[in-house]
Structures are given as C-alpha cells and as structure tokens.
Amino acid sequence: MLAVLLVVRPRLSGRRPGTFLHWAQCSDAELLADLTAPAGSQVQADRAEDLAHLSRMAKTKFGGLRASVDLTAAALVVLAAALLTTALH
C-alpha cells in the first residue's frame, strides 16, 4: 500500500514559467501573455522542454502505479491463501 501512496503522491516542487504550477500563481494578464508567446521564443522552448519532462514523469508514475497494483494484487492472493490455510486447519 505504501508503494501506491508514493506513486500517486503529487510532486508540487518547481514553478518554471509555462507550467501549471507557475500558471496557478499568475494573474489573468500574465497567463494570457505566457500562453500567447510567439513561436520560437524562449517561453515556447521552455514549454516544450517542460512538456517532454512531464511526459517522462507521467510514464514513470504510471509504470510505478502499475507495479503497485500488481504488488497489492499479489499480496491479496497471499493473504487469501493464508486465511484459507488457517481455516482448513
């Protein structure tokens, strides 16, 4: 269960421009300026870099979540077998 909790725990560190954490602290005008940055600008490059990083993090997180679910299912099978063995003796 601890593995599941560690996987689904949000990571809220870092507030680089162009990220949801940064936008959560922006005013409407600042958000609009960031979203309408011209193509080829540093903001666009940072956004692309952040998107690639977030995509890798999501892949890692979902892989961990899958492993956590598999571990929990295996633990439940072992628990059921132990209970059945105890009940039969």
N, C-alpha and C. Protein backbone atom coordinates (compact mmCIF):
# COMPACT_ATOMS: atom_id res chain seq x y z
N MET A 1 0.81 -1.19 0.00
CA MET A 1 0.00 0.00 0.00
C MET A 1 0.86 1.26 0.00
N LEU A 2 2.01 1.17 0.69
CA LEU A 2 2.91 2.31 0.71
C LEU A 2 3.39 2.64 -0.70
N ALA A 3 3.63 1.61 -1.51
CA ALA A 3 4.08 1.84 -2.89
C ALA A 3 3.04 2.62 -3.67
N VAL A 4 1.76 2.30 -3.48
CA VAL A 4 0.68 3.02 -4.18
C VAL A 4 0.66 4.47 -3.74
N LEU A 5 0.78 4.70 -2.44
CA LEU A 5 0.74 6.07 -1.93
C LEU A 5 1.91 6.90 -2.45
N LEU A 6 3.09 6.29 -2.52
CA LEU A 6 4.25 7.03 -3.03
C LEU A 6 4.11 7.36 -4.51
N VAL A 7 3.46 6.48 -5.26
CA VAL A 7 3.29 6.71 -6.69
C VAL A 7 2.27 7.81 -6.95
N VAL A 8 1.16 7.82 -6.23
CA VAL A 8 0.10 8.79 -6.52
C VAL A 8 0.30 10.12 -5.80
N ARG A 9 1.29 10.20 -4.92
CA ARG A 9 1.57 11.46 -4.23
C ARG A 9 2.03 12.51 -5.25
N PRO A 10 1.37 13.67 -5.27
CA PRO A 10 1.73 14.67 -6.28
C PRO A 10 3.09 15.31 -5.99
N ARG A 11 3.76 15.67 -7.07
CA ARG A 11 5.03 16.39 -6.95
C ARG A 11 4.74 17.85 -7.26
N LEU A 12 4.84 18.69 -6.26
CA LEU A 12 4.47 20.08 -6.44
C LEU A 12 5.67 21.02 -6.34
N SER A 13 6.86 20.51 -6.54
CA SER A 13 8.04 21.36 -6.48
C SER A 13 8.31 21.96 -7.86
N GLY A 14 8.98 23.07 -7.88
CA GLY A 14 9.34 23.72 -9.14
C GLY A 14 8.20 24.55 -9.70
N ARG A 15 8.51 25.76 -10.10
CA ARG A 15 7.49 26.64 -10.65
C ARG A 15 8.05 27.37 -11.87
N ARG A 16 8.54 26.58 -12.82
CA ARG A 16 9.10 27.20 -14.02
C ARG A 16 8.00 27.83 -14.85
N PRO A 17 8.28 28.95 -15.49
CA PRO A 17 7.28 29.56 -16.38
C PRO A 17 6.82 28.57 -17.45
N GLY A 18 5.54 28.60 -17.75
CA GLY A 18 4.98 27.71 -18.75
C GLY A 18 4.46 26.40 -18.18
N THR A 19 4.46 26.28 -16.84
CA THR A 19 3.96 25.07 -16.21
C THR A 19 2.67 25.37 -15.44
N PHE A 20 1.91 24.34 -15.15
CA PHE A 20 0.66 24.53 -14.41
C PHE A 20 0.90 25.14 -13.04
N LEU A 21 2.00 24.75 -12.39
CA LEU A 21 2.30 25.31 -11.06
C LEU A 21 2.59 26.80 -11.15
N HIS A 22 3.24 27.21 -12.20
CA HIS A 22 3.50 28.64 -12.42
C HIS A 22 2.20 29.38 -12.74
N TRP A 23 1.41 28.80 -13.64
CA TRP A 23 0.16 29.44 -14.04
C TRP A 23 -0.83 29.58 -12.89
N ALA A 24 -0.75 28.68 -11.91
CA ALA A 24 -1.66 28.76 -10.77
C ALA A 24 -1.43 30.03 -9.96
N GLN A 25 -0.25 30.63 -10.08
CA GLN A 25 0.07 31.83 -9.32
C GLN A 25 0.03 33.09 -10.18
N CYS A 26 -0.27 32.95 -11.46
CA CYS A 26 -0.30 34.10 -12.37
C CYS A 26 -1.64 34.82 -12.32
N SER A 27 -1.59 36.09 -12.64
CA SER A 27 -2.84 36.82 -12.86
C SER A 27 -3.36 36.44 -14.25
N ASP A 28 -4.58 36.84 -14.55
CA ASP A 28 -5.13 36.53 -15.87
C ASP A 28 -4.27 37.11 -16.99
N ALA A 29 -3.79 38.34 -16.79
CA ALA A 29 -2.98 39.00 -17.82
C ALA A 29 -1.64 38.28 -18.01
N GLU A 30 -1.02 37.86 -16.92
CA GLU A 30 0.25 37.15 -17.01
C GLU A 30 0.08 35.80 -17.71
N LEU A 31 -1.00 35.13 -17.39
CA LEU A 31 -1.28 33.83 -18.02
C LEU A 31 -1.50 34.01 -19.52
N LEU A 32 -2.28 34.99 -19.90
CA LEU A 32 -2.55 35.24 -21.31
C LEU A 32 -1.25 35.58 -22.05
N ALA A 33 -0.39 36.38 -21.44
CA ALA A 33 0.89 36.74 -22.07
C ALA A 33 1.76 35.50 -22.26
N ASP A 34 1.75 34.62 -21.28
CA ASP A 34 2.55 33.40 -21.38
C ASP A 34 2.02 32.47 -22.45
N LEU A 35 0.70 32.34 -22.53
CA LEU A 35 0.09 31.42 -23.49
C LEU A 35 0.17 31.93 -24.93
N THR A 36 0.27 33.23 -25.10
CA THR A 36 0.32 33.80 -26.46
C THR A 36 1.74 34.19 -26.87
N ALA A 37 2.74 33.65 -26.21
CA ALA A 37 4.13 33.94 -26.57
C ALA A 37 4.36 33.51 -28.01
N PRO A 38 5.11 34.32 -28.76
CA PRO A 38 5.35 34.00 -30.18
C PRO A 38 6.15 32.70 -30.34
N ALA A 39 5.87 32.02 -31.43
CA ALA A 39 6.59 30.77 -31.75
C ALA A 39 8.07 31.08 -31.88
N GLY A 40 8.88 30.16 -31.39
CA GLY A 40 10.33 30.36 -31.46
C GLY A 40 10.89 31.13 -30.28
N SER A 41 10.03 31.63 -29.40
CA SER A 41 10.51 32.38 -28.25
C SER A 41 11.03 31.43 -27.18
N GLN A 42 11.73 31.99 -26.21
CA GLN A 42 12.27 31.18 -25.11
C GLN A 42 11.14 30.55 -24.31
N VAL A 43 10.02 31.23 -24.18
CA VAL A 43 8.87 30.68 -23.45
C VAL A 43 8.38 29.42 -24.14
N GLN A 44 8.29 29.45 -25.46
CA GLN A 44 7.86 28.27 -26.21
C GLN A 44 8.86 27.13 -26.05
N ALA A 45 10.15 27.44 -26.09
CA ALA A 45 11.17 26.41 -25.93
C ALA A 45 11.10 25.80 -24.54
N ASP A 46 10.92 26.65 -23.52
CA ASP A 46 10.79 26.15 -22.14
C ASP A 46 9.55 25.28 -22.00
N ARG A 47 8.47 25.69 -22.63
CA ARG A 47 7.22 24.92 -22.55
C ARG A 47 7.39 23.54 -23.19
N ALA A 48 8.08 23.49 -24.32
CA ALA A 48 8.33 22.20 -24.99
C ALA A 48 9.21 21.31 -24.11
N GLU A 49 10.23 21.89 -23.50
CA GLU A 49 11.11 21.13 -22.61
C GLU A 49 10.33 20.60 -21.41
N ASP A 50 9.49 21.44 -20.82
CA ASP A 50 8.68 21.03 -19.68
C ASP A 50 7.68 19.94 -20.05
N LEU A 51 7.08 20.06 -21.23
CA LEU A 51 6.12 19.05 -21.67
C LEU A 51 6.80 17.69 -21.84
N ALA A 52 8.00 17.69 -22.40
CA ALA A 52 8.74 16.43 -22.56
C ALA A 52 9.08 15.86 -21.18
N HIS A 53 9.50 16.72 -20.26
CA HIS A 53 9.83 16.26 -18.91
C HIS A 53 8.60 15.72 -18.20
N LEU A 54 7.48 16.43 -18.29
CA LEU A 54 6.24 15.97 -17.66
C LEU A 54 5.75 14.66 -18.26
N SER A 55 5.95 14.49 -19.54
CA SER A 55 5.56 13.24 -20.20
C SER A 55 6.39 12.07 -19.67
N ARG A 56 7.69 12.29 -19.49
CA ARG A 56 8.54 11.23 -18.93
C ARG A 56 8.13 10.93 -17.48
N MET A 57 7.82 11.98 -16.72
CA MET A 57 7.37 11.77 -15.34
C MET A 57 6.07 10.98 -15.30
N ALA A 58 5.14 11.29 -16.20
CA ALA A 58 3.86 10.57 -16.24
C ALA A 58 4.09 9.10 -16.58
N LYS A 59 4.97 8.84 -17.52
CA LYS A 59 5.27 7.46 -17.89
C LYS A 59 5.84 6.70 -16.70
N THR A 60 6.77 7.32 -15.98
CA THR A 60 7.36 6.71 -14.79
C THR A 60 6.31 6.49 -13.71
N LYS A 61 5.46 7.51 -13.50
CA LYS A 61 4.42 7.41 -12.48
C LYS A 61 3.44 6.29 -12.80
N PHE A 62 2.99 6.18 -14.04
CA PHE A 62 2.04 5.13 -14.40
C PHE A 62 2.69 3.75 -14.35
N GLY A 63 3.98 3.67 -14.66
CA GLY A 63 4.69 2.40 -14.51
C GLY A 63 4.75 1.99 -13.05
N GLY A 64 5.03 2.95 -12.18
CA GLY A 64 5.05 2.68 -10.74
C GLY A 64 3.68 2.30 -10.22
N LEU A 65 2.66 2.97 -10.72
CA LEU A 65 1.29 2.66 -10.30
C LEU A 65 0.91 1.24 -10.72
N ARG A 66 1.31 0.87 -11.93
CA ARG A 66 1.02 -0.48 -12.41
C ARG A 66 1.71 -1.52 -11.53
N ALA A 67 2.98 -1.28 -11.21
CA ALA A 67 3.72 -2.20 -10.34
C ALA A 67 3.09 -2.26 -8.95
N SER A 68 2.63 -1.12 -8.45
CA SER A 68 2.00 -1.08 -7.13
C SER A 68 0.70 -1.87 -7.11
N VAL A 69 -0.08 -1.76 -8.16
CA VAL A 69 -1.33 -2.52 -8.24
C VAL A 69 -1.02 -4.01 -8.32
N ASP A 70 0.00 -4.38 -9.10
CA ASP A 70 0.38 -5.78 -9.20
C ASP A 70 0.85 -6.33 -7.85
N LEU A 71 1.64 -5.54 -7.12
CA LEU A 71 2.09 -5.95 -5.80
C LEU A 71 0.93 -6.10 -4.82
N THR A 72 -0.01 -5.17 -4.87
CA THR A 72 -1.18 -5.25 -3.99
C THR A 72 -2.02 -6.48 -4.32
N ALA A 73 -2.20 -6.77 -5.60
CA ALA A 73 -2.96 -7.95 -6.00
C ALA A 73 -2.26 -9.23 -5.53
N ALA A 74 -0.95 -9.28 -5.67
CA ALA A 74 -0.19 -10.45 -5.21
C ALA A 74 -0.31 -10.61 -3.70
N ALA A 75 -0.25 -9.50 -2.98
CA ALA A 75 -0.39 -9.56 -1.52
C ALA A 75 -1.76 -10.06 -1.12
N LEU A 76 -2.80 -9.66 -1.85
CA LEU A 76 -4.15 -10.13 -1.55
C LEU A 76 -4.28 -11.64 -1.80
N VAL A 77 -3.63 -12.14 -2.85
CA VAL A 77 -3.66 -13.57 -3.14
C VAL A 77 -2.96 -14.33 -2.00
N VAL A 78 -1.82 -13.84 -1.56
CA VAL A 78 -1.09 -14.48 -0.47
C VAL A 78 -1.92 -14.44 0.81
N LEU A 79 -2.56 -13.32 1.09
CA LEU A 79 -3.41 -13.19 2.27
C LEU A 79 -4.58 -14.16 2.20
N ALA A 80 -5.22 -14.27 1.06
CA ALA A 80 -6.34 -15.20 0.90
C ALA A 80 -5.88 -16.64 1.10
N ALA A 81 -4.71 -16.98 0.56
CA ALA A 81 -4.18 -18.33 0.73
C ALA A 81 -3.88 -18.61 2.20
N ALA A 82 -3.34 -17.63 2.91
CA ALA A 82 -3.04 -17.80 4.33
C ALA A 82 -4.33 -17.98 5.14
N LEU A 83 -5.34 -17.19 4.83
CA LEU A 83 -6.61 -17.31 5.53
C LEU A 83 -7.27 -18.67 5.26
N LEU A 84 -7.20 -19.11 4.02
CA LEU A 84 -7.79 -20.40 3.64
C LEU A 84 -7.04 -21.53 4.33
N THR A 85 -5.73 -21.46 4.36
CA THR A 85 -4.93 -22.48 5.03
C THR A 85 -5.24 -22.53 6.53
N THR A 86 -5.37 -21.37 7.15
CA THR A 86 -5.69 -21.30 8.57
C THR A 86 -7.09 -21.84 8.84
N ALA A 87 -8.02 -21.54 7.99
CA ALA A 87 -9.40 -22.00 8.19
C ALA A 87 -9.53 -23.51 8.03
N LEU A 88 -8.69 -24.12 7.20
CA LEU A 88 -8.76 -25.56 6.97
C LEU A 88 -8.07 -26.37 8.06
N HIS A 89 -7.26 -25.75 8.88
CA HIS A 89 -6.55 -26.48 9.92
C HIS A 89 -7.23 -26.33 11.22
